[in-house]
Amino acid sequence: MEYSNHFKKTGRYRKAIRVGSNLKHNLMKKSLKNVFVQNKLKFFSLFLFGALTTLVLNSCAKEDAADVNQDKIWTEYLVHYNENDDKTHVVARFRFGNAMGTLLELVDTTGASVSFNGTPMPYSIFWSGHHLEFAGNVTTGTFDYVNTEGTVYSNSVPSGTDVIAFPSDFDTIAKSQAETFTWVGNPLSANQSVGIYVGSYGWNKDALFYTNAVGANSLVMGVQAKNSLTVGTGGLYMLRVVENNSINGTSKGGVIRYSYRPIDKSVVIVP
């Protein structure tokens, strides 16, 4: 829209520009905040539940894998054990192009399928992928994915024998000082990582700590990361992950993971 030189000299023009600028700034700020919140939620979801993608964080929209180039399918395999309910969740997720691509479902009538240790895996909307669950800790197994062209891709789960736990005497977190947390379990090997999520009451009142250093058996909880925690009772959640990015798959690749979540723990958060 063109404005006359006379209008450009008026206070109304200057006010309109200022309001428009502020509106644009606020919209950009809101957009960036939404992106941050969504990414943080996705990361916490991955961290706590072993790549569980919930309905809140992912669109339910999916496509039939038969509708895309079969060599453009990116694959994600997961075996996740949660000691809190003594269950293993097995998930196979397919996307077009890369890890952020459109979710794909393998439809039986097209000849595409995926199985774990020979058991067919049905599609689950809740898990945004093909899913099975088992009692106890399943530490070994093989995924067999067959595409619509009859090509078979087999991938075995990385070793899931390295368990982890919280020390029985770790019951307090001090916000005002850094501290070294040492877990119960073996040091990290190559392609392994450990993360700890500290949750306190109130939105955005949490902290996340992570290490993938080979040989590590501890991580440092820094003051800055703990700054947002609320004084009082909080929850501790930990995950140990081993992953392999060199999978038997299409030209787009993928990842296969085993994750172990030990018994959660309550802590007291002090100033």
Protein backbone atom coordinates (compact mmCIF):
# COMPACT_ATOMS: atom_id res chain seq x y z
CA MET A 1 0.00 0.00 0.00
CA GLU A 2 1.31 3.47 -0.93
CA TYR A 3 0.90 6.37 1.49
CA SER A 4 0.95 10.05 0.56
CA ASN A 5 3.83 12.18 1.78
CA HIS A 6 1.35 14.22 3.82
CA PHE A 7 0.10 11.11 5.70
CA LYS A 8 3.66 9.92 6.30
CA LYS A 9 4.32 13.14 8.23
CA THR A 10 1.38 12.66 10.57
CA GLY A 11 1.39 11.12 14.03
CA ARG A 12 -1.17 8.54 12.91
CA TYR A 13 1.30 7.17 10.35
CA ARG A 14 4.10 6.99 12.87
CA LYS A 15 1.75 5.28 15.38
CA ALA A 16 0.61 2.80 12.74
CA ILE A 17 4.22 1.91 11.92
CA ARG A 18 5.04 1.55 15.64
CA VAL A 19 2.00 -0.67 16.29
CA GLY A 20 2.76 -2.77 13.24
CA SER A 21 6.38 -3.15 14.30
CA ASN A 22 5.40 -4.15 17.84
CA LEU A 23 2.83 -6.62 16.51
CA LYS A 24 5.41 -8.17 14.20
CA HIS A 25 7.91 -8.40 17.06
CA ASN A 26 5.36 -10.02 19.38
CA LEU A 27 4.28 -12.50 16.74
CA MET A 28 7.90 -13.45 16.05
CA LYS A 29 8.56 -13.77 19.79
CA LYS A 30 5.45 -15.94 20.23
CA SER A 31 6.41 -18.08 17.24
CA LEU A 32 9.94 -18.63 18.55
CA LYS A 33 8.59 -19.46 22.00
CA ASN A 34 6.18 -22.01 20.53
CA VAL A 35 9.00 -23.62 18.53
CA PHE A 36 11.17 -23.78 21.66
CA VAL A 37 8.39 -25.30 23.77
CA GLN A 38 7.52 -27.88 21.11
CA ASN A 39 11.15 -28.89 20.61
CA LYS A 40 11.70 -29.11 24.36
CA LEU A 41 8.62 -31.30 24.77
CA LYS A 42 9.74 -33.53 21.94
CA PHE A 43 13.16 -33.91 23.49
CA PHE A 44 11.71 -34.72 26.92
CA SER A 45 9.39 -37.21 25.25
CA LEU A 46 12.32 -38.89 23.53
CA PHE A 47 14.41 -38.76 26.68
CA LEU A 48 11.85 -40.10 29.15
CA PHE A 49 9.94 -42.56 27.06
CA GLY A 50 12.53 -43.83 24.61
CA ALA A 51 11.42 -41.97 21.50
CA LEU A 52 7.73 -42.18 22.28
CA THR A 53 6.07 -39.55 20.12
CA THR A 54 2.75 -38.61 21.66
CA LEU A 55 -0.39 -37.41 19.94
CA VAL A 56 0.10 -33.97 21.44
CA LEU A 57 3.51 -33.53 19.85
CA ASN A 58 2.96 -35.15 16.48
CA SER A 59 0.29 -34.83 13.89
CA CYS A 60 -1.86 -37.92 13.47
CA ALA A 61 -1.51 -37.44 9.71
CA LYS A 62 0.28 -40.31 8.04
CA GLU A 63 0.56 -41.73 4.57
CA ASP A 64 0.64 -45.20 3.09
CA ALA A 65 4.29 -46.17 2.61
CA ALA A 66 3.32 -47.60 -0.78
CA ASP A 67 2.69 -44.06 -2.06
CA VAL A 68 6.34 -42.98 -1.84
CA ASN A 69 9.65 -43.97 -3.42
CA GLN A 70 10.69 -47.04 -1.41
CA ASP A 71 14.35 -45.97 -1.42
CA LYS A 72 13.40 -42.65 0.23
CA ILE A 73 12.10 -44.18 3.45
CA TRP A 74 14.00 -43.36 6.65
CA THR A 75 13.63 -45.92 9.46
CA GLU A 76 13.76 -45.76 13.24
CA TYR A 77 13.78 -48.87 15.43
CA LEU A 78 13.51 -48.81 19.21
CA VAL A 79 13.46 -51.31 22.05
CA HIS A 80 12.65 -49.48 25.29
CA TYR A 81 12.50 -51.08 28.74
CA ASN A 82 10.77 -49.25 31.60
CA GLU A 83 11.60 -50.81 34.95
CA ASN A 84 8.77 -48.87 36.63
CA ASP A 85 6.17 -51.14 35.06
CA ASP A 86 8.52 -53.96 33.96
CA LYS A 87 7.53 -53.66 30.31
CA THR A 88 9.44 -53.52 27.05
CA HIS A 89 8.04 -51.42 24.21
CA VAL A 90 9.19 -52.21 20.69
CA VAL A 91 8.62 -49.53 18.04
CA ALA A 92 9.35 -49.31 14.32
CA ARG A 93 8.76 -45.91 12.77
CA PHE A 94 9.01 -45.01 9.08
CA ARG A 95 9.27 -41.52 7.60
CA PHE A 96 9.65 -40.08 4.16
CA GLY A 97 13.09 -38.67 3.45
CA ASN A 98 14.51 -38.10 6.93
CA ALA A 99 13.83 -38.08 10.68
CA MET A 100 11.44 -35.13 10.34
CA GLY A 101 9.59 -36.41 7.28
CA THR A 102 5.98 -37.49 6.95
CA LEU A 103 5.03 -40.54 9.01
CA LEU A 104 4.39 -43.65 6.96
CA GLU A 105 2.30 -46.74 7.72
CA LEU A 106 3.10 -50.14 6.28
CA VAL A 107 -0.21 -51.50 4.97
CA ASP A 108 -0.52 -55.29 4.71
CA THR A 109 -2.42 -55.23 1.41
CA THR A 110 0.53 -53.52 -0.30
CA GLY A 111 2.97 -56.26 0.68
CA ALA A 112 4.87 -54.05 3.14
CA SER A 113 5.35 -55.26 6.71
CA VAL A 114 7.57 -55.11 9.77
CA SER A 115 8.06 -57.72 12.47
CA PHE A 116 10.11 -58.20 15.63
CA ASN A 117 11.48 -61.67 16.28
CA GLY A 118 8.93 -62.95 13.78
CA THR A 119 5.91 -61.27 15.39
CA PRO A 120 4.06 -58.83 13.08
CA MET A 121 3.92 -55.26 14.41
CA PRO A 122 0.56 -53.47 13.95
CA TYR A 123 0.40 -49.70 13.55
CA SER A 124 -0.34 -47.70 16.72
CA ILE A 125 -1.60 -44.13 16.53
CA PHE A 126 -0.48 -43.53 20.13
CA TRP A 127 3.11 -44.54 19.34
CA SER A 128 3.05 -42.97 15.86
CA GLY A 129 4.53 -46.17 14.51
CA HIS A 130 4.31 -49.94 14.50
CA HIS A 131 4.35 -51.22 18.09
CA LEU A 132 4.51 -54.31 20.30
CA GLU A 133 4.90 -54.67 24.05
CA PHE A 134 6.35 -57.48 26.14
CA ALA A 135 6.56 -58.35 29.82
CA GLY A 136 10.03 -58.01 31.32
CA ASN A 137 13.26 -56.70 29.84
CA VAL A 138 13.82 -57.76 26.22
CA THR A 139 17.50 -57.12 25.52
CA THR A 140 17.93 -58.84 22.15
CA GLY A 141 15.92 -59.22 18.98
CA THR A 142 15.72 -58.55 15.27
CA PHE A 143 13.51 -56.25 13.21
CA ASP A 144 12.58 -57.45 9.71
CA TYR A 145 11.19 -54.78 7.41
CA VAL A 146 9.83 -55.74 4.00
CA ASN A 147 8.96 -52.95 1.56
CA THR A 148 6.41 -53.06 -1.25
CA GLU A 149 9.08 -54.21 -3.71
CA GLY A 150 9.89 -57.27 -1.60
CA THR A 151 13.25 -55.98 -0.35
CA VAL A 152 14.00 -57.20 3.18
CA TYR A 153 16.00 -55.17 5.71
CA SER A 154 17.01 -56.94 8.94
CA ASN A 155 18.48 -55.14 11.96
CA SER A 156 19.42 -56.52 15.37
CA VAL A 157 19.00 -54.54 18.58
CA PRO A 158 22.20 -53.08 20.09
CA SER A 159 23.22 -54.81 23.32
CA GLY A 160 20.83 -53.94 26.13
CA THR A 161 22.74 -55.57 28.98
CA ASP A 162 24.06 -52.34 30.57
CA VAL A 163 21.50 -51.47 33.24
CA ILE A 164 21.55 -48.32 35.37
CA ALA A 165 20.07 -47.10 38.65
CA PHE A 166 19.99 -44.18 41.07
CA PRO A 167 22.16 -44.44 44.21
CA SER A 168 19.96 -45.18 47.22
CA ASP A 169 21.42 -42.23 49.15
CA PHE A 170 20.85 -39.62 46.44
CA ASP A 171 17.85 -37.80 47.87
CA THR A 172 18.64 -34.06 47.78
CA ILE A 173 19.47 -31.52 45.08
CA ALA A 174 20.87 -28.11 46.05
CA LYS A 175 20.09 -25.34 43.56
CA SER A 176 22.92 -23.09 44.73
CA GLN A 177 25.85 -25.42 44.03
CA ALA A 178 27.05 -27.72 41.30
CA GLU A 179 27.30 -31.39 42.13
CA THR A 180 28.57 -34.58 40.52
CA PHE A 181 26.02 -37.34 40.12
CA THR A 182 27.46 -40.87 39.88
CA TRP A 183 25.07 -43.55 38.70
CA VAL A 184 24.98 -47.22 39.68
CA GLY A 185 26.07 -49.18 36.63
CA ASN A 186 28.84 -49.56 34.10
CA PRO A 187 30.69 -46.61 32.54
CA LEU A 188 29.54 -45.54 29.09
CA SER A 189 30.84 -47.32 26.02
CA ALA A 190 30.91 -45.96 22.48
CA ASN A 191 27.46 -44.93 21.15
CA GLN A 192 25.96 -44.81 24.65
CA SER A 193 24.50 -41.89 26.56
CA VAL A 194 22.85 -41.14 29.89
CA GLY A 195 20.39 -38.38 30.63
CA ILE A 196 18.66 -37.27 33.82
CA TYR A 197 15.51 -35.20 33.91
CA VAL A 198 14.60 -33.39 37.13
CA GLY A 199 10.97 -32.34 37.32
CA SER A 200 9.47 -30.02 39.93
CA TYR A 201 5.93 -28.70 40.24
CA GLY A 202 5.11 -25.90 37.85
CA TRP A 203 5.41 -25.48 34.09
CA ASN A 204 8.96 -25.02 32.82
CA LYS A 205 10.37 -25.69 36.29
CA ASP A 206 12.67 -28.51 35.28
CA ALA A 207 16.25 -29.37 34.42
CA LEU A 208 17.97 -31.78 32.06
CA PHE A 209 21.49 -33.24 32.29
CA TYR A 210 23.21 -35.37 29.69
CA THR A 211 26.51 -37.05 28.82
CA ASN A 212 27.77 -39.32 26.07
CA ALA A 213 31.43 -39.25 27.06
CA VAL A 214 33.03 -42.69 26.59
CA GLY A 215 34.18 -44.03 29.96
CA ALA A 216 31.96 -41.70 31.99
CA ASN A 217 30.19 -43.02 35.07
CA SER A 218 28.92 -39.64 36.24
CA LEU A 219 27.71 -36.25 35.07
CA VAL A 220 27.79 -32.75 36.52
CA MET A 221 24.60 -30.99 37.57
CA GLY A 222 25.46 -27.33 37.07
CA VAL A 223 23.93 -24.38 38.90
CA GLN A 224 22.61 -22.66 35.79
CA ALA A 225 20.66 -25.72 34.67
CA LYS A 226 19.14 -26.08 38.14
CA ASN A 227 18.14 -22.44 38.40
CA SER A 228 14.55 -22.96 37.23
CA LEU A 229 13.78 -25.77 39.68
CA THR A 230 11.16 -25.12 42.35
CA VAL A 231 12.18 -25.70 45.96
CA GLY A 232 10.33 -28.67 47.41
CA THR A 233 9.71 -32.23 46.27
CA GLY A 234 10.76 -33.21 42.77
CA GLY A 235 11.06 -36.29 40.61
CA LEU A 236 14.16 -37.84 39.06
CA TYR A 237 13.98 -39.76 35.79
CA MET A 238 16.94 -41.37 34.07
CA LEU A 239 17.54 -43.04 30.72
CA ARG A 240 20.50 -45.01 29.37
CA VAL A 241 20.60 -45.32 25.58
CA VAL A 242 22.74 -47.24 23.12
CA GLU A 243 22.22 -46.53 19.44
CA ASN A 244 23.53 -47.52 16.05
CA ASN A 245 23.23 -45.21 13.04
CA SER A 246 24.79 -47.69 10.61
CA ILE A 247 21.72 -49.75 9.88
CA ASN A 248 20.69 -52.05 7.07
CA GLY A 249 18.28 -49.79 5.21
CA THR A 250 17.58 -47.55 2.26
CA SER A 251 19.80 -44.75 0.96
CA LYS A 252 18.15 -42.48 3.55
CA GLY A 253 19.45 -44.55 6.46
CA GLY A 254 17.99 -44.53 9.93
CA VAL A 255 18.75 -45.46 13.54
CA ILE A 256 18.21 -48.37 15.93
CA ARG A 257 18.20 -47.88 19.71
CA TYR A 258 17.89 -49.77 22.96
CA SER A 259 16.97 -47.68 26.01
CA TYR A 260 16.67 -48.53 29.69
CA ARG A 261 14.68 -46.47 32.18
CA PRO A 262 15.29 -47.47 35.82
CA ILE A 263 12.96 -46.95 38.77
CA ASP A 264 12.16 -43.24 39.13
CA LYS A 265 13.18 -41.48 42.33
CA SER A 266 11.83 -38.67 44.51
CA VAL A 267 14.20 -35.96 45.72
CA VAL A 268 14.04 -32.86 47.87
CA ILE A 269 15.12 -29.68 46.09
CA VAL A 270 16.67 -27.12 48.42
CA PRO A 271 17.95 -23.54 47.79
